[in-house]
Amino acid sequence: MVNEGIREVEVRCIDENGQLIGIIPTKEALKIAYDKDLDLVMVAQAAKPPVCRIMDYDKFIFDQNKKDKEIRKNQKVIDIKEVRLSIGIGDHDFMVKAKNAVKFLQSGDKVKVTVRFTTRELNHTNEGVELVKRMAECVKDYGTLDKEPKLEGKRMNVIINPK
């Protein structure tokens, strides 16, 4: 809350330099703020009495937005890239998929390896596990398995985290 929006009778007031003025009536704190051409801003509403600070509110909001933007800029967004395999994949195709997985891991993304099964292939899920372990072996220098391969319906999934 700012200026006239503060409905408390008394507030603990802090001046623009961070010095405690004391517990004073809200009207007097507003007068002090207006005399200095600043705003009275409530910073701790839960305190008894509430804590208010004399500051330039527009500059405070501007600085806060600038800090938030800087934090968002430095944040690394991790994507999950998917590599799809099937039981009958050829060696060359497998190596192309492994090369793509390595590229994704080097750029800092997680890789979801999915082995798709047809209805008849569901009896050979052990081959899917071997395929996933073969992929993990190919990318072991760049990433590690999150957990053991898990069969969900007609798909077997595993996530590889970058090192």
N, C-alpha and C. Protein backbone atom coordinates (compact mmCIF):
# COMPACT_ATOMS: atom_id res chain seq x y z
N MET A 1 0.84 -1.18 0.00
CA MET A 1 0.00 0.00 0.00
C MET A 1 0.89 1.24 0.00
N VAL A 2 0.38 2.27 -0.62
CA VAL A 2 1.16 3.48 -0.80
C VAL A 2 0.32 4.69 -0.40
N ASN A 3 0.97 5.66 0.23
CA ASN A 3 0.39 6.96 0.57
C ASN A 3 -0.99 6.86 1.22
N GLU A 4 -2.03 7.42 0.60
CA GLU A 4 -3.36 7.45 1.20
C GLU A 4 -4.00 6.07 1.29
N GLY A 5 -3.44 5.09 0.65
CA GLY A 5 -3.96 3.73 0.73
C GLY A 5 -3.68 3.08 2.08
N ILE A 6 -2.81 3.66 2.87
CA ILE A 6 -2.47 3.13 4.19
C ILE A 6 -3.55 3.58 5.16
N ARG A 7 -4.29 2.63 5.75
CA ARG A 7 -5.43 2.94 6.61
C ARG A 7 -5.13 2.80 8.09
N GLU A 8 -3.90 2.51 8.46
CA GLU A 8 -3.53 2.34 9.86
C GLU A 8 -3.47 3.70 10.56
N VAL A 9 -3.72 3.70 11.88
CA VAL A 9 -3.67 4.95 12.65
C VAL A 9 -2.22 5.34 12.92
N GLU A 10 -1.42 4.35 13.36
CA GLU A 10 0.00 4.60 13.64
C GLU A 10 0.87 3.64 12.85
N VAL A 11 2.05 4.09 12.48
CA VAL A 11 2.99 3.25 11.75
C VAL A 11 4.39 3.44 12.32
N ARG A 12 5.21 2.40 12.14
CA ARG A 12 6.63 2.51 12.47
C ARG A 12 7.28 3.03 11.19
N CYS A 13 7.87 4.20 11.26
CA CYS A 13 8.34 4.88 10.05
C CYS A 13 9.86 4.83 9.93
N ILE A 14 10.32 4.57 8.71
CA ILE A 14 11.74 4.55 8.38
C ILE A 14 11.96 5.58 7.28
N ASP A 15 12.99 6.43 7.44
CA ASP A 15 13.20 7.48 6.43
C ASP A 15 13.93 6.92 5.20
N GLU A 16 14.18 7.79 4.22
CA GLU A 16 14.77 7.36 2.95
C GLU A 16 16.19 6.85 3.09
N ASN A 17 16.88 7.16 4.19
CA ASN A 17 18.25 6.70 4.41
C ASN A 17 18.32 5.41 5.22
N GLY A 18 17.15 4.88 5.62
CA GLY A 18 17.11 3.65 6.40
C GLY A 18 17.15 3.89 7.90
N GLN A 19 17.07 5.13 8.34
CA GLN A 19 17.08 5.45 9.76
C GLN A 19 15.66 5.36 10.33
N LEU A 20 15.51 4.76 11.51
CA LEU A 20 14.20 4.62 12.14
C LEU A 20 13.77 5.96 12.72
N ILE A 21 12.62 6.44 12.28
CA ILE A 21 12.06 7.68 12.83
C ILE A 21 11.32 7.38 14.11
N GLY A 22 10.57 6.27 14.12
CA GLY A 22 9.84 5.86 15.31
C GLY A 22 8.39 5.56 14.96
N ILE A 23 7.60 5.34 16.03
CA ILE A 23 6.17 5.09 15.84
C ILE A 23 5.46 6.44 15.87
N ILE A 24 4.86 6.79 14.73
CA ILE A 24 4.21 8.09 14.60
C ILE A 24 2.86 7.90 13.91
N PRO A 25 1.96 8.87 14.04
CA PRO A 25 0.68 8.78 13.34
C PRO A 25 0.90 8.76 11.82
N THR A 26 0.03 8.09 11.11
CA THR A 26 0.15 7.95 9.66
C THR A 26 0.12 9.30 8.95
N LYS A 27 -0.73 10.20 9.44
CA LYS A 27 -0.84 11.52 8.80
C LYS A 27 0.48 12.28 8.90
N GLU A 28 1.15 12.15 10.03
CA GLU A 28 2.43 12.84 10.21
C GLU A 28 3.50 12.22 9.28
N ALA A 29 3.49 10.87 9.15
CA ALA A 29 4.43 10.19 8.25
C ALA A 29 4.19 10.61 6.80
N LEU A 30 2.90 10.74 6.43
CA LEU A 30 2.57 11.20 5.08
C LEU A 30 3.07 12.61 4.84
N LYS A 31 2.93 13.47 5.86
CA LYS A 31 3.39 14.86 5.74
C LYS A 31 4.90 14.90 5.53
N ILE A 32 5.63 14.08 6.30
CA ILE A 32 7.09 14.04 6.17
C ILE A 32 7.46 13.58 4.74
N ALA A 33 6.77 12.55 4.25
CA ALA A 33 7.06 12.03 2.91
C ALA A 33 6.77 13.08 1.84
N TYR A 34 5.62 13.76 1.95
CA TYR A 34 5.25 14.77 0.95
C TYR A 34 6.19 15.97 0.99
N ASP A 35 6.67 16.34 2.19
CA ASP A 35 7.62 17.45 2.30
C ASP A 35 8.93 17.14 1.57
N LYS A 36 9.30 15.87 1.55
CA LYS A 36 10.53 15.46 0.87
C LYS A 36 10.26 15.06 -0.58
N ASP A 37 9.02 15.21 -1.04
CA ASP A 37 8.59 14.87 -2.40
C ASP A 37 8.81 13.38 -2.69
N LEU A 38 8.48 12.55 -1.67
CA LEU A 38 8.61 11.10 -1.78
C LEU A 38 7.28 10.44 -1.42
N ASP A 39 7.27 9.11 -1.39
CA ASP A 39 6.05 8.35 -1.08
C ASP A 39 6.24 7.59 0.23
N LEU A 40 5.11 7.32 0.91
CA LEU A 40 5.10 6.48 2.10
C LEU A 40 4.62 5.10 1.66
N VAL A 41 5.48 4.10 1.81
CA VAL A 41 5.18 2.75 1.32
C VAL A 41 5.19 1.78 2.50
N MET A 42 4.10 0.97 2.62
CA MET A 42 4.03 -0.04 3.67
C MET A 42 4.85 -1.25 3.23
N VAL A 43 5.87 -1.59 4.01
CA VAL A 43 6.75 -2.69 3.65
C VAL A 43 6.51 -3.95 4.49
N ALA A 44 5.93 -3.81 5.68
CA ALA A 44 5.63 -4.96 6.54
C ALA A 44 4.27 -4.76 7.17
N GLN A 45 3.25 -5.29 6.53
CA GLN A 45 1.88 -5.08 6.98
C GLN A 45 1.56 -5.91 8.22
N ALA A 46 2.19 -7.07 8.38
CA ALA A 46 1.88 -7.97 9.47
C ALA A 46 2.43 -7.49 10.82
N ALA A 47 3.41 -6.61 10.81
CA ALA A 47 4.02 -6.14 12.05
C ALA A 47 3.03 -5.27 12.83
N LYS A 48 3.22 -5.18 14.13
CA LYS A 48 2.39 -4.33 14.98
C LYS A 48 3.26 -3.26 15.60
N PRO A 49 3.14 -2.02 15.31
CA PRO A 49 2.38 -1.44 14.21
C PRO A 49 3.08 -1.71 12.88
N PRO A 50 2.36 -1.58 11.75
CA PRO A 50 2.96 -1.85 10.43
C PRO A 50 4.17 -0.96 10.16
N VAL A 51 5.11 -1.49 9.40
CA VAL A 51 6.33 -0.74 9.09
C VAL A 51 6.14 -0.06 7.74
N CYS A 52 6.40 1.25 7.71
CA CYS A 52 6.32 2.02 6.47
C CYS A 52 7.67 2.68 6.21
N ARG A 53 7.96 2.85 4.95
CA ARG A 53 9.23 3.45 4.57
C ARG A 53 8.99 4.62 3.63
N ILE A 54 9.77 5.65 3.79
CA ILE A 54 9.69 6.81 2.92
C ILE A 54 10.67 6.58 1.78
N MET A 55 10.14 6.55 0.54
CA MET A 55 10.99 6.27 -0.62
C MET A 55 10.30 6.78 -1.88
N ASP A 56 11.08 6.79 -2.97
CA ASP A 56 10.50 7.09 -4.28
C ASP A 56 9.93 5.79 -4.83
N TYR A 57 8.61 5.65 -4.78
CA TYR A 57 7.95 4.39 -5.13
C TYR A 57 8.16 4.01 -6.59
N ASP A 58 8.09 4.98 -7.49
CA ASP A 58 8.27 4.69 -8.91
C ASP A 58 9.68 4.16 -9.19
N LYS A 59 10.68 4.75 -8.54
CA LYS A 59 12.06 4.27 -8.71
C LYS A 59 12.22 2.87 -8.13
N PHE A 60 11.55 2.62 -7.00
CA PHE A 60 11.59 1.30 -6.37
C PHE A 60 11.01 0.23 -7.31
N ILE A 61 9.86 0.51 -7.91
CA ILE A 61 9.22 -0.44 -8.83
C ILE A 61 10.11 -0.65 -10.06
N PHE A 62 10.69 0.43 -10.58
CA PHE A 62 11.58 0.33 -11.74
C PHE A 62 12.78 -0.58 -11.42
N ASP A 63 13.41 -0.36 -10.26
CA ASP A 63 14.57 -1.17 -9.87
C ASP A 63 14.17 -2.63 -9.66
N GLN A 64 12.99 -2.85 -9.08
CA GLN A 64 12.51 -4.22 -8.84
C GLN A 64 12.30 -4.94 -10.16
N ASN A 65 11.68 -4.28 -11.12
CA ASN A 65 11.46 -4.88 -12.44
C ASN A 65 12.78 -5.16 -13.15
N LYS A 66 13.74 -4.27 -12.97
CA LYS A 66 15.07 -4.45 -13.57
C LYS A 66 15.76 -5.69 -12.99
N LYS A 67 15.65 -5.88 -11.66
CA LYS A 67 16.25 -7.06 -11.01
C LYS A 67 15.58 -8.34 -11.50
N ASP A 68 14.24 -8.31 -11.59
CA ASP A 68 13.50 -9.49 -12.05
C ASP A 68 13.90 -9.86 -13.48
N LYS A 69 14.05 -8.86 -14.33
CA LYS A 69 14.43 -9.10 -15.72
C LYS A 69 15.84 -9.70 -15.78
N GLU A 70 16.75 -9.22 -14.95
CA GLU A 70 18.12 -9.73 -14.91
C GLU A 70 18.15 -11.19 -14.45
N ILE A 71 17.32 -11.52 -13.47
CA ILE A 71 17.24 -12.89 -12.97
C ILE A 71 16.71 -13.82 -14.06
N ARG A 72 15.66 -13.39 -14.77
CA ARG A 72 15.10 -14.21 -15.84
C ARG A 72 16.09 -14.39 -16.98
N LYS A 73 16.91 -13.35 -17.24
CA LYS A 73 17.87 -13.42 -18.34
C LYS A 73 18.95 -14.46 -18.05
N ASN A 74 19.36 -14.56 -16.79
CA ASN A 74 20.45 -15.48 -16.43
C ASN A 74 19.96 -16.90 -16.16
N GLN A 75 18.65 -17.12 -16.22
CA GLN A 75 18.10 -18.44 -15.94
C GLN A 75 18.28 -19.35 -17.15
N LYS A 76 18.69 -20.57 -16.92
CA LYS A 76 18.85 -21.55 -17.99
C LYS A 76 17.60 -22.42 -18.03
N VAL A 77 16.92 -22.42 -19.15
CA VAL A 77 15.73 -23.24 -19.31
C VAL A 77 16.16 -24.60 -19.85
N ILE A 78 15.80 -25.65 -19.13
CA ILE A 78 16.17 -27.00 -19.55
C ILE A 78 14.98 -27.61 -20.27
N ASP A 79 15.21 -28.00 -21.51
CA ASP A 79 14.19 -28.65 -22.30
C ASP A 79 14.40 -30.15 -22.25
N ILE A 80 13.34 -30.88 -22.55
CA ILE A 80 13.46 -32.33 -22.69
C ILE A 80 13.29 -32.65 -24.16
N LYS A 81 14.34 -33.18 -24.75
CA LYS A 81 14.31 -33.60 -26.15
C LYS A 81 14.04 -35.10 -26.18
N GLU A 82 13.33 -35.54 -27.20
CA GLU A 82 12.98 -36.95 -27.28
C GLU A 82 13.68 -37.63 -28.45
N VAL A 83 14.16 -38.83 -28.20
CA VAL A 83 14.74 -39.69 -29.23
C VAL A 83 13.89 -40.96 -29.24
N ARG A 84 13.26 -41.23 -30.38
CA ARG A 84 12.37 -42.39 -30.49
C ARG A 84 13.09 -43.53 -31.20
N LEU A 85 12.97 -44.71 -30.62
CA LEU A 85 13.59 -45.91 -31.19
C LEU A 85 12.52 -46.99 -31.33
N SER A 86 12.81 -47.98 -32.16
CA SER A 86 11.95 -49.16 -32.23
C SER A 86 12.86 -50.39 -32.22
N ILE A 87 12.27 -51.54 -31.95
CA ILE A 87 13.07 -52.76 -31.78
C ILE A 87 13.88 -53.09 -33.03
N GLY A 88 13.32 -52.92 -34.21
CA GLY A 88 13.99 -53.32 -35.44
C GLY A 88 14.87 -52.26 -36.05
N ILE A 89 15.39 -51.32 -35.25
CA ILE A 89 16.20 -50.22 -35.78
C ILE A 89 17.55 -50.75 -36.26
N GLY A 90 17.98 -50.22 -37.39
CA GLY A 90 19.28 -50.62 -37.94
C GLY A 90 20.42 -49.94 -37.20
N ASP A 91 21.63 -50.45 -37.41
CA ASP A 91 22.80 -49.92 -36.71
C ASP A 91 23.08 -48.47 -37.09
N HIS A 92 22.99 -48.16 -38.38
CA HIS A 92 23.27 -46.80 -38.82
C HIS A 92 22.23 -45.82 -38.27
N ASP A 93 20.96 -46.21 -38.32
CA ASP A 93 19.90 -45.35 -37.79
C ASP A 93 20.09 -45.14 -36.28
N PHE A 94 20.49 -46.21 -35.60
CA PHE A 94 20.73 -46.09 -34.16
C PHE A 94 21.86 -45.10 -33.87
N MET A 95 22.93 -45.16 -34.66
CA MET A 95 24.06 -44.25 -34.44
C MET A 95 23.66 -42.79 -34.71
N VAL A 96 22.79 -42.58 -35.71
CA VAL A 96 22.30 -41.22 -35.98
C VAL A 96 21.52 -40.71 -34.78
N LYS A 97 20.65 -41.56 -34.21
CA LYS A 97 19.86 -41.17 -33.04
C LYS A 97 20.78 -40.91 -31.84
N ALA A 98 21.80 -41.74 -31.67
CA ALA A 98 22.75 -41.56 -30.57
C ALA A 98 23.52 -40.25 -30.73
N LYS A 99 23.90 -39.92 -31.97
CA LYS A 99 24.62 -38.67 -32.23
C LYS A 99 23.73 -37.46 -31.89
N ASN A 100 22.44 -37.56 -32.25
CA ASN A 100 21.50 -36.48 -31.90
C ASN A 100 21.35 -36.36 -30.38
N ALA A 101 21.28 -37.48 -29.69
CA ALA A 101 21.16 -37.46 -28.23
C ALA A 101 22.39 -36.80 -27.60
N VAL A 102 23.57 -37.10 -28.12
CA VAL A 102 24.81 -36.48 -27.61
C VAL A 102 24.77 -34.97 -27.83
N LYS A 103 24.29 -34.56 -29.01
CA LYS A 103 24.19 -33.12 -29.31
C LYS A 103 23.24 -32.43 -28.34
N PHE A 104 22.11 -33.07 -28.04
CA PHE A 104 21.15 -32.49 -27.09
C PHE A 104 21.75 -32.39 -25.69
N LEU A 105 22.46 -33.44 -25.27
CA LEU A 105 23.07 -33.44 -23.94
C LEU A 105 24.17 -32.38 -23.83
N GLN A 106 24.93 -32.19 -24.90
CA GLN A 106 25.99 -31.18 -24.88
C GLN A 106 25.42 -29.78 -24.76
N SER A 107 24.21 -29.56 -25.31
CA SER A 107 23.60 -28.23 -25.19
C SER A 107 22.89 -28.05 -23.86
N GLY A 108 22.94 -29.06 -22.98
CA GLY A 108 22.39 -28.92 -21.63
C GLY A 108 20.95 -29.37 -21.48
N ASP A 109 20.40 -30.03 -22.49
CA ASP A 109 19.02 -30.50 -22.42
C ASP A 109 18.97 -31.94 -21.94
N LYS A 110 17.84 -32.31 -21.30
CA LYS A 110 17.61 -33.70 -20.95
C LYS A 110 17.14 -34.43 -22.20
N VAL A 111 17.39 -35.72 -22.26
CA VAL A 111 16.97 -36.52 -23.40
C VAL A 111 16.07 -37.64 -22.90
N LYS A 112 14.88 -37.72 -23.50
CA LYS A 112 13.95 -38.80 -23.19
C LYS A 112 14.06 -39.83 -24.31
N VAL A 113 14.51 -41.04 -23.95
CA VAL A 113 14.64 -42.10 -24.93
C VAL A 113 13.37 -42.95 -24.84
N THR A 114 12.67 -43.06 -25.96
CA THR A 114 11.42 -43.82 -26.01
C THR A 114 11.57 -44.96 -27.00
N VAL A 115 11.29 -46.17 -26.54
CA VAL A 115 11.27 -47.34 -27.41
C VAL A 115 9.80 -47.71 -27.61
N ARG A 116 9.37 -47.68 -28.88
CA ARG A 116 7.98 -47.99 -29.19
C ARG A 116 7.87 -49.47 -29.57
N PHE A 117 6.82 -50.11 -29.05
CA PHE A 117 6.58 -51.51 -29.33
C PHE A 117 5.27 -51.65 -30.11
N THR A 118 5.25 -52.61 -31.05
CA THR A 118 3.97 -53.00 -31.63
C THR A 118 3.36 -54.04 -30.68
N THR A 119 2.14 -54.43 -30.94
CA THR A 119 1.48 -55.39 -30.05
C THR A 119 2.25 -56.72 -30.00
N ARG A 120 2.74 -57.17 -31.13
CA ARG A 120 3.48 -58.44 -31.15
C ARG A 120 4.83 -58.31 -30.45
N GLU A 121 5.43 -57.12 -30.49
CA GLU A 121 6.76 -56.93 -29.89
C GLU A 121 6.69 -56.81 -28.37
N LEU A 122 5.50 -56.66 -27.79
CA LEU A 122 5.39 -56.52 -26.33
C LEU A 122 5.89 -57.76 -25.59
N ASN A 123 5.98 -58.88 -26.28
CA ASN A 123 6.53 -60.09 -25.66
C ASN A 123 8.05 -60.03 -25.55
N HIS A 124 8.67 -59.05 -26.24
CA HIS A 124 10.14 -58.95 -26.27
C HIS A 124 10.60 -57.64 -25.64
N THR A 125 10.07 -57.31 -24.49
CA THR A 125 10.46 -56.05 -23.84
C THR A 125 11.92 -56.07 -23.40
N ASN A 126 12.48 -57.26 -23.20
CA ASN A 126 13.89 -57.33 -22.82
C ASN A 126 14.79 -56.76 -23.92
N GLU A 127 14.38 -56.88 -25.19
CA GLU A 127 15.14 -56.27 -26.28
C GLU A 127 15.09 -54.75 -26.19
N GLY A 128 13.95 -54.22 -25.74
CA GLY A 128 13.83 -52.77 -25.54
C GLY A 128 14.76 -52.28 -24.45
N VAL A 129 14.87 -53.06 -23.37
CA VAL A 129 15.78 -52.71 -22.28
C VAL A 129 17.22 -52.70 -22.79
N GLU A 130 17.57 -53.70 -23.60
CA GLU A 130 18.92 -53.77 -24.16
C GLU A 130 19.20 -52.56 -25.07
N LEU A 131 18.18 -52.14 -25.83
CA LEU A 131 18.31 -51.00 -26.72
C LEU A 131 18.57 -49.71 -25.92
N VAL A 132 17.83 -49.56 -24.83
CA VAL A 132 18.00 -48.37 -23.98
C VAL A 132 19.39 -48.40 -23.33
N LYS A 133 19.82 -49.56 -22.87
CA LYS A 133 21.15 -49.66 -22.25
C LYS A 133 22.25 -49.40 -23.27
N ARG A 134 22.02 -49.82 -24.50
CA ARG A 134 22.99 -49.56 -25.58
C ARG A 134 23.08 -48.05 -25.83
N MET A 135 21.92 -47.36 -25.81
CA MET A 135 21.92 -45.90 -25.97
C MET A 135 22.65 -45.23 -24.81
N ALA A 136 22.40 -45.71 -23.60
CA ALA A 136 23.07 -45.15 -22.42
C ALA A 136 24.58 -45.34 -22.52
N GLU A 137 24.99 -46.47 -23.06
CA GLU A 137 26.42 -46.74 -23.22
C GLU A 137 27.04 -45.79 -24.24
N CYS A 138 26.28 -45.47 -25.30
CA CYS A 138 26.80 -44.57 -26.35
C CYS A 138 26.96 -43.14 -25.84
N VAL A 139 26.12 -42.72 -24.90
CA VAL A 139 26.15 -41.33 -24.45
C VAL A 139 26.70 -41.20 -23.02
N LYS A 140 27.37 -42.24 -22.50
CA LYS A 140 27.80 -42.23 -21.11
C LYS A 140 28.77 -41.09 -20.77
N ASP A 141 29.51 -40.59 -21.77
CA ASP A 141 30.45 -39.49 -21.51
C ASP A 141 29.73 -38.15 -21.34
N TYR A 142 28.50 -38.07 -21.78
CA TYR A 142 27.77 -36.80 -21.79
C TYR A 142 26.56 -36.79 -20.86
N GLY A 143 26.06 -37.95 -20.46
CA GLY A 143 24.88 -37.98 -19.61
C GLY A 143 24.75 -39.28 -18.85
N THR A 144 23.87 -39.28 -17.85
CA THR A 144 23.63 -40.46 -17.03
C THR A 144 22.14 -40.77 -17.00
N LEU A 145 21.82 -42.05 -16.85
CA LEU A 145 20.42 -42.46 -16.77
C LEU A 145 19.81 -41.93 -15.49
N ASP A 146 18.59 -41.43 -15.59
CA ASP A 146 17.86 -40.92 -14.44
C ASP A 146 17.42 -42.09 -13.56
N LYS A 147 16.82 -43.11 -14.19
CA LYS A 147 16.40 -44.33 -13.49
C LYS A 147 16.30 -45.45 -14.52
N GLU A 148 15.95 -46.62 -14.08
CA GLU A 148 15.86 -47.77 -14.98
C GLU A 148 14.72 -47.57 -15.97
N PRO A 149 14.82 -48.20 -17.17
CA PRO A 149 13.75 -48.08 -18.16
C PRO A 149 12.42 -48.58 -17.60
N LYS A 150 11.34 -47.87 -17.97
CA LYS A 150 10.03 -48.18 -17.42
C LYS A 150 9.04 -48.36 -18.56
N LEU A 151 8.31 -49.46 -18.55
CA LEU A 151 7.33 -49.76 -19.58
C LEU A 151 6.00 -49.11 -19.22
N GLU A 152 5.50 -48.25 -20.11
CA GLU A 152 4.22 -47.59 -19.91
C GLU A 152 3.38 -47.84 -21.15
N GLY A 153 2.44 -48.76 -21.07
CA GLY A 153 1.64 -49.10 -22.23
C GLY A 153 2.49 -49.79 -23.27
N LYS A 154 2.54 -49.22 -24.48
CA LYS A 154 3.34 -49.79 -25.57
C LYS A 154 4.66 -49.06 -25.73
N ARG A 155 5.06 -48.29 -24.74
CA ARG A 155 6.31 -47.53 -24.82
C ARG A 155 7.17 -47.79 -23.59
N MET A 156 8.46 -47.76 -23.82
CA MET A 156 9.41 -47.85 -22.72
C MET A 156 10.18 -46.54 -22.71
N ASN A 157 10.16 -45.87 -21.55
CA ASN A 157 10.78 -44.54 -21.44
C ASN A 157 11.91 -44.54 -20.44
N VAL A 158 12.89 -43.70 -20.70
CA VAL A 158 13.94 -43.42 -19.74
C VAL A 158 14.46 -42.01 -20.04
N ILE A 159 14.87 -41.31 -18.99
CA ILE A 159 15.39 -39.95 -19.15
C ILE A 159 16.89 -39.97 -18.88
N ILE A 160 17.65 -39.30 -19.75
CA ILE A 160 19.09 -39.18 -19.57
C ILE A 160 19.39 -37.72 -19.24
N ASN A 161 20.01 -37.51 -18.07
CA ASN A 161 20.37 -36.16 -17.63
C ASN A 161 21.77 -35.80 -18.11
N PRO A 162 21.98 -34.53 -18.50
CA PRO A 162 23.33 -34.13 -18.91
C PRO A 162 24.28 -34.09 -17.71
N LYS A 163 25.55 -34.34 -17.96
CA LYS A 163 26.55 -34.27 -16.87
C LYS A 163 26.93 -32.84 -16.61
